[in-house]
Every structure is written in structure tokens, then in C-alpha cells.
Amino acid sequence: MERLWALKSDFDPLGRIFLGSSGAGFLFRITRCTVYRCPYCRWIFKITWGPSNSLLGQGERNCWHCKQLFWDGSNEWPEMSSEDRQLFLLPITIAGYIGAFLVIAGVYGYAVVAVRKRAKGGDLIFFLAAALPIGLWFCLRGVQVARSVHRYNSRVPSRPS
């Protein structure tokens, strides 16, 4: 029996509001999300930000609700294209957070140098607190990539050397 593919639908809540405006709708693209559903019972199994997403996994998934098996479009890390790898490690929300962090740090660094004011301890604590989620994000993704490579290596037989 052929398995069905997961249903993917894009949802743009603010794009509809600003659709007729003078090109201001592009500012609200960050609010777009993609909803992935079971093809049998329409149960939502994943919601992601942005119009495109790459999922790690073996490619098939059991629905939590109806227990049916279907294809979800995921790949293991070694099977992914470089674009999918980039989207997995650096989705639009994380790229925006890192960009905002770098802009704020740059403006602060310029202010410290231009005004010749001393850096305060509270300011450094702020930057450490802002950098902590970035570090945690890449640690979490690193663990997920390592697990994916392990799954792939255990599934694919090794060639004799």
C-alpha cells in the first residue's frame, strides 16, 4: 500500500491585512508559518516559522492521533542538500535574532569607542544574556545533527574498505 505525504499549508496572518498596502507587507513575512498535518486525520504534528523548513528524520512518521504511517518529507543529515542544512541550522527567526544582536552590539561598541565611555558590568551581563539563547540553539541543533548522523549510519550498511 502506498503511503500518503504529509499535508503542508502556509499561513500568513498579517499578509492578508497588508496585502493591498503600498508594499509594506514584506515587513510582516516573519509572521508566516507552515503547518504540517497528518494526511489521514488532519492532526497537526509540526508548526514552523517561515515558508520553507527542513526536518530531520527517516522520512516516515506515525501520527500521534490516528497511529497511521505516512511520509513527512524529512531527511537525515547526510542526505540533506546544503540549502536544507542551512535552513535547519539557521532558520529565518534565528538569523533575525543573530542579526539584531550584532547590530545592537555594533552600535554599543561604536558608542563606547566614539564617546569613550567605559563599559559597565550590567551592559556586559545584558550581552551575555542575549548571546546565551544563540549558544543554546546551536548546542541543541548540534545534538540533533549528531543523533541524525548516528541513525543514518546505523541504517545504511558500511562498505568494506
C-alpha atoms as a PDB file:
ATOM      1  CA  MET A   1       0.000   0.000   0.000  1.00  0.00           C
ATOM      2  CA  GLU A   2       1.322   3.429  -0.945  1.00  0.00           C
ATOM      3  CA  ARG A   3       1.818   5.870   1.914  1.00  0.00           C
ATOM      4  CA  LEU A   4       0.418   9.356   1.719  1.00  0.00           C
ATOM      5  CA  TRP A   5       2.506  12.514   2.107  1.00  0.00           C
ATOM      6  CA  ALA A   6       2.019  14.956   4.965  1.00  0.00           C
ATOM      7  CA  LEU A   7      -0.195  17.929   4.186  1.00  0.00           C
ATOM      8  CA  LYS A   8       1.653  21.232   4.184  1.00  0.00           C
ATOM      9  CA  SER A   9      -0.135  24.575   4.309  1.00  0.00           C
ATOM     10  CA  ASP A  10       1.334  28.051   4.659  1.00  0.00           C
ATOM     11  CA  PHE A  11      -0.399  30.536   6.920  1.00  0.00           C
ATOM     12  CA  ASP A  12       0.278  34.276   6.625  1.00  0.00           C
ATOM     13  CA  PRO A  13      -1.875  36.078   9.229  1.00  0.00           C
ATOM     14  CA  LEU A  14      -0.603  39.642   8.674  1.00  0.00           C
ATOM     15  CA  GLY A  15      -0.087  39.292   4.932  1.00  0.00           C
ATOM     16  CA  ARG A  16      -3.834  39.358   4.374  1.00  0.00           C
ATOM     17  CA  ILE A  17      -4.220  42.568   6.351  1.00  0.00           C
ATOM     18  CA  PHE A  18      -1.458  44.420   4.494  1.00  0.00           C
ATOM     19  CA  LEU A  19      -1.982  42.814   1.080  1.00  0.00           C
ATOM     20  CA  GLY A  20      -3.318  45.952  -0.561  1.00  0.00           C
ATOM     21  CA  SER A  21      -0.906  48.376   1.086  1.00  0.00           C
ATOM     22  CA  SER A  22       1.977  50.026  -0.708  1.00  0.00           C
ATOM     23  CA  GLY A  23       4.435  47.159  -0.446  1.00  0.00           C
ATOM     24  CA  ALA A  24       4.561  47.171   3.364  1.00  0.00           C
ATOM     25  CA  GLY A  25       3.519  43.518   3.501  1.00  0.00           C
ATOM     26  CA  PHE A  26       7.115  42.339   3.137  1.00  0.00           C
ATOM     27  CA  LEU A  27       7.838  43.673   6.615  1.00  0.00           C
ATOM     28  CA  PHE A  28       5.484  41.109   8.140  1.00  0.00           C
ATOM     29  CA  ARG A  29       6.815  38.000   6.379  1.00  0.00           C
ATOM     30  CA  ILE A  30       8.392  36.878   9.632  1.00  0.00           C
ATOM     31  CA  THR A  31       4.909  36.070  10.908  1.00  0.00           C
ATOM     32  CA  ARG A  32       4.385  33.422   8.212  1.00  0.00           C
ATOM     33  CA  CYS A  33       4.231  29.883   9.463  1.00  0.00           C
ATOM     34  CA  THR A  34       3.902  26.464   7.892  1.00  0.00           C
ATOM     35  CA  VAL A  35       1.551  23.862   9.329  1.00  0.00           C
ATOM     36  CA  TYR A  36       2.212  20.160   8.725  1.00  0.00           C
ATOM     37  CA  ARG A  37      -0.746  17.782   9.142  1.00  0.00           C
ATOM     38  CA  CYS A  38      -1.399  14.061   9.050  1.00  0.00           C
ATOM     39  CA  PRO A  39      -2.957  13.173   5.665  1.00  0.00           C
ATOM     40  CA  TYR A  40      -5.408  10.749   7.292  1.00  0.00           C
ATOM     41  CA  CYS A  41      -6.892  12.628  10.240  1.00  0.00           C
ATOM     42  CA  ARG A  42      -5.545  16.170   9.619  1.00  0.00           C
ATOM     43  CA  TRP A  43      -3.877  16.226  13.055  1.00  0.00           C
ATOM     44  CA  ILE A  44      -1.166  18.905  13.284  1.00  0.00           C
ATOM     45  CA  PHE A  45       2.230  17.349  14.005  1.00  0.00           C
ATOM     46  CA  LYS A  46       4.520  20.332  13.374  1.00  0.00           C
ATOM     47  CA  ILE A  47       4.280  24.123  13.066  1.00  0.00           C
ATOM     48  CA  THR A  48       7.300  26.041  11.847  1.00  0.00           C
ATOM     49  CA  TRP A  49       8.058  29.685  11.130  1.00  0.00           C
ATOM     50  CA  GLY A  50       8.728  30.647   7.570  1.00  0.00           C
ATOM     51  CA  PRO A  51       7.550  29.267   4.247  1.00  0.00           C
ATOM     52  CA  SER A  52      10.206  26.585   3.982  1.00  0.00           C
ATOM     53  CA  ASN A  53      11.564  24.205   6.528  1.00  0.00           C
ATOM     54  CA  SER A  54      13.775  21.178   6.635  1.00  0.00           C
ATOM     55  CA  LEU A  55      13.015  18.347   9.022  1.00  0.00           C
ATOM     56  CA  LEU A  56      15.401  15.739  10.390  1.00  0.00           C
ATOM     57  CA  GLY A  57      14.216  12.165  10.423  1.00  0.00           C
ATOM     58  CA  GLN A  58      13.896   8.944   8.496  1.00  0.00           C
ATOM     59  CA  GLY A  59      11.123  10.255   6.262  1.00  0.00           C
ATOM     60  CA  GLU A  60       8.197   8.421   7.729  1.00  0.00           C
ATOM     61  CA  ARG A  61       6.172   9.254  10.794  1.00  0.00           C
ATOM     62  CA  ASN A  62       3.429   7.673  12.869  1.00  0.00           C
ATOM     63  CA  CYS A  63       0.574  10.041  13.613  1.00  0.00           C
ATOM     64  CA  TRP A  64       0.120  10.570  17.334  1.00  0.00           C
ATOM     65  CA  HIS A  65      -3.622  10.775  16.908  1.00  0.00           C
ATOM     66  CA  CYS A  66      -4.673   8.065  14.433  1.00  0.00           C
ATOM     67  CA  LYS A  67      -1.474   5.919  14.524  1.00  0.00           C
ATOM     68  CA  GLN A  68      -1.281   5.804  10.697  1.00  0.00           C
ATOM     69  CA  LEU A  69       2.115   5.759   8.968  1.00  0.00           C
ATOM     70  CA  PHE A  70       2.843   8.500   6.394  1.00  0.00           C
ATOM     71  CA  TRP A  71       5.737  10.334   4.712  1.00  0.00           C
ATOM     72  CA  ASP A  72       6.643  13.645   6.323  1.00  0.00           C
ATOM     73  CA  GLY A  73       9.343  14.791   3.898  1.00  0.00           C
ATOM     74  CA  SER A  74      12.204  14.664   6.380  1.00  0.00           C
ATOM     75  CA  ASN A  75      15.757  13.504   5.650  1.00  0.00           C
ATOM     76  CA  GLU A  76      18.698  12.513   7.758  1.00  0.00           C
ATOM     77  CA  TRP A  77      21.603  14.987   7.921  1.00  0.00           C
ATOM     78  CA  PRO A  78      23.882  13.183   5.392  1.00  0.00           C
ATOM     79  CA  GLU A  79      21.000  13.005   2.894  1.00  0.00           C
ATOM     80  CA  MET A  80      20.138  16.719   3.089  1.00  0.00           C
ATOM     81  CA  SER A  81      21.168  19.270   0.497  1.00  0.00           C
ATOM     82  CA  SER A  82      23.326  22.184   1.594  1.00  0.00           C
ATOM     83  CA  GLU A  83      20.325  24.519   1.375  1.00  0.00           C
ATOM     84  CA  ASP A  84      18.270  22.252   3.652  1.00  0.00           C
ATOM     85  CA  ARG A  85      21.165  22.055   6.098  1.00  0.00           C
ATOM     86  CA  GLN A  86      21.407  25.829   6.179  1.00  0.00           C
ATOM     87  CA  LEU A  87      17.661  26.154   6.760  1.00  0.00           C
ATOM     88  CA  PHE A  88      17.852  23.613   9.557  1.00  0.00           C
ATOM     89  CA  LEU A  89      20.741  25.298  11.365  1.00  0.00           C
ATOM     90  CA  LEU A  90      19.777  28.898  10.665  1.00  0.00           C
ATOM     91  CA  PRO A  91      16.040  29.457  10.109  1.00  0.00           C
ATOM     92  CA  ILE A  92      14.791  32.979   9.478  1.00  0.00           C
ATOM     93  CA  THR A  93      13.884  33.694  13.107  1.00  0.00           C
ATOM     94  CA  ILE A  94      17.327  32.707  14.396  1.00  0.00           C
ATOM     95  CA  ALA A  95      19.046  34.638  11.595  1.00  0.00           C
ATOM     96  CA  GLY A  96      16.978  37.689  12.544  1.00  0.00           C
ATOM     97  CA  TYR A  97      17.846  37.288  16.224  1.00  0.00           C
ATOM     98  CA  ILE A  98      21.561  36.994  15.438  1.00  0.00           C
ATOM     99  CA  GLY A  99      21.344  39.998  13.096  1.00  0.00           C
ATOM    100  CA  ALA A 100      19.630  42.107  15.761  1.00  0.00           C
ATOM    101  CA  PHE A 101      22.213  41.019  18.335  1.00  0.00           C
ATOM    102  CA  LEU A 102      25.085  42.002  16.023  1.00  0.00           C
ATOM    103  CA  VAL A 103      23.521  45.390  15.213  1.00  0.00           C
ATOM    104  CA  ILE A 104      22.964  46.189  18.896  1.00  0.00           C
ATOM    105  CA  ALA A 105      26.492  45.052  19.777  1.00  0.00           C
ATOM    106  CA  GLY A 106      27.916  47.134  16.925  1.00  0.00           C
ATOM    107  CA  VAL A 107      26.048  50.270  17.956  1.00  0.00           C
ATOM    108  CA  TYR A 108      27.089  49.745  21.573  1.00  0.00           C
ATOM    109  CA  GLY A 109      30.717  49.176  20.546  1.00  0.00           C
ATOM    110  CA  TYR A 110      30.671  52.315  18.424  1.00  0.00           C
ATOM    111  CA  ALA A 111      29.189  54.307  21.319  1.00  0.00           C
ATOM    112  CA  VAL A 112      31.888  53.018  23.678  1.00  0.00           C
ATOM    113  CA  VAL A 113      34.663  53.954  21.244  1.00  0.00           C
ATOM    114  CA  ALA A 114      33.206  57.254  19.986  1.00  0.00           C
ATOM    115  CA  VAL A 115      32.123  58.626  23.362  1.00  0.00           C
ATOM    116  CA  ARG A 116      34.999  56.942  25.199  1.00  0.00           C
ATOM    117  CA  LYS A 117      32.745  55.753  27.938  1.00  0.00           C
ATOM    118  CA  ARG A 118      33.643  52.739  29.983  1.00  0.00           C
ATOM    119  CA  ALA A 119      31.771  49.505  29.509  1.00  0.00           C
ATOM    120  CA  LYS A 120      29.671  48.722  32.556  1.00  0.00           C
ATOM    121  CA  GLY A 121      29.177  45.326  34.107  1.00  0.00           C
ATOM    122  CA  GLY A 122      25.418  45.500  33.601  1.00  0.00           C
ATOM    123  CA  ASP A 123      25.921  46.057  29.879  1.00  0.00           C
ATOM    124  CA  LEU A 124      28.152  43.011  29.605  1.00  0.00           C
ATOM    125  CA  ILE A 125      25.617  40.920  31.522  1.00  0.00           C
ATOM    126  CA  PHE A 126      22.976  42.082  29.021  1.00  0.00           C
ATOM    127  CA  PHE A 127      25.101  40.927  26.086  1.00  0.00           C
ATOM    128  CA  LEU A 128      25.865  37.603  27.749  1.00  0.00           C
ATOM    129  CA  ALA A 129      22.164  37.069  28.430  1.00  0.00           C
ATOM    130  CA  ALA A 130      21.355  37.940  24.813  1.00  0.00           C
ATOM    131  CA  ALA A 131      24.067  35.611  23.450  1.00  0.00           C
ATOM    132  CA  LEU A 132      23.023  32.669  25.657  1.00  0.00           C
ATOM    133  CA  PRO A 133      19.970  31.674  23.521  1.00  0.00           C
ATOM    134  CA  ILE A 134      22.157  31.672  20.404  1.00  0.00           C
ATOM    135  CA  GLY A 135      24.643  29.323  22.042  1.00  0.00           C
ATOM    136  CA  LEU A 136      21.867  27.077  23.361  1.00  0.00           C
ATOM    137  CA  TRP A 137      20.236  26.979  19.909  1.00  0.00           C
ATOM    138  CA  PHE A 138      23.408  25.735  18.221  1.00  0.00           C
ATOM    139  CA  CYS A 139      24.081  23.222  21.019  1.00  0.00           C
ATOM    140  CA  LEU A 140      20.559  21.813  20.620  1.00  0.00           C
ATOM    141  CA  ARG A 141      20.895  21.641  16.842  1.00  0.00           C
ATOM    142  CA  GLY A 142      24.327  20.024  17.188  1.00  0.00           C
ATOM    143  CA  VAL A 143      22.848  17.256  19.327  1.00  0.00           C
ATOM    144  CA  GLN A 144      20.033  16.750  16.811  1.00  0.00           C
ATOM    145  CA  VAL A 145      22.523  16.552  13.916  1.00  0.00           C
ATOM    146  CA  ALA A 146      24.682  14.042  15.814  1.00  0.00           C
ATOM    147  CA  ARG A 147      21.621  11.865  16.507  1.00  0.00           C
ATOM    148  CA  SER A 148      20.613  12.067  12.847  1.00  0.00           C
ATOM    149  CA  VAL A 149      24.072  11.018  11.646  1.00  0.00           C
ATOM    150  CA  HIS A 150      24.019   8.123  14.132  1.00  0.00           C
ATOM    151  CA  ARG A 151      20.587   6.993  12.861  1.00  0.00           C
ATOM    152  CA  TYR A 152      21.804   7.232   9.265  1.00  0.00           C
ATOM    153  CA  ASN A 153      24.990   5.266   9.975  1.00  0.00           C
ATOM    154  CA  SER A 154      23.081   2.520  11.785  1.00  0.00           C
ATOM    155  CA  ARG A 155      20.585   2.238   8.931  1.00  0.00           C
ATOM    156  CA  VAL A 156      22.986   2.295   5.972  1.00  0.00           C
ATOM    157  CA  PRO A 157      25.387  -0.667   5.884  1.00  0.00           C
ATOM    158  CA  SER A 158      29.038   0.291   5.770  1.00  0.00           C
ATOM    159  CA  ARG A 159      31.104  -0.632   2.731  1.00  0.00           C
ATOM    160  CA  PRO A 160      34.145  -2.859   3.108  1.00  0.00           C
ATOM    161  CA  SER A 161      37.408  -0.943   2.792  1.00  0.00           C
END
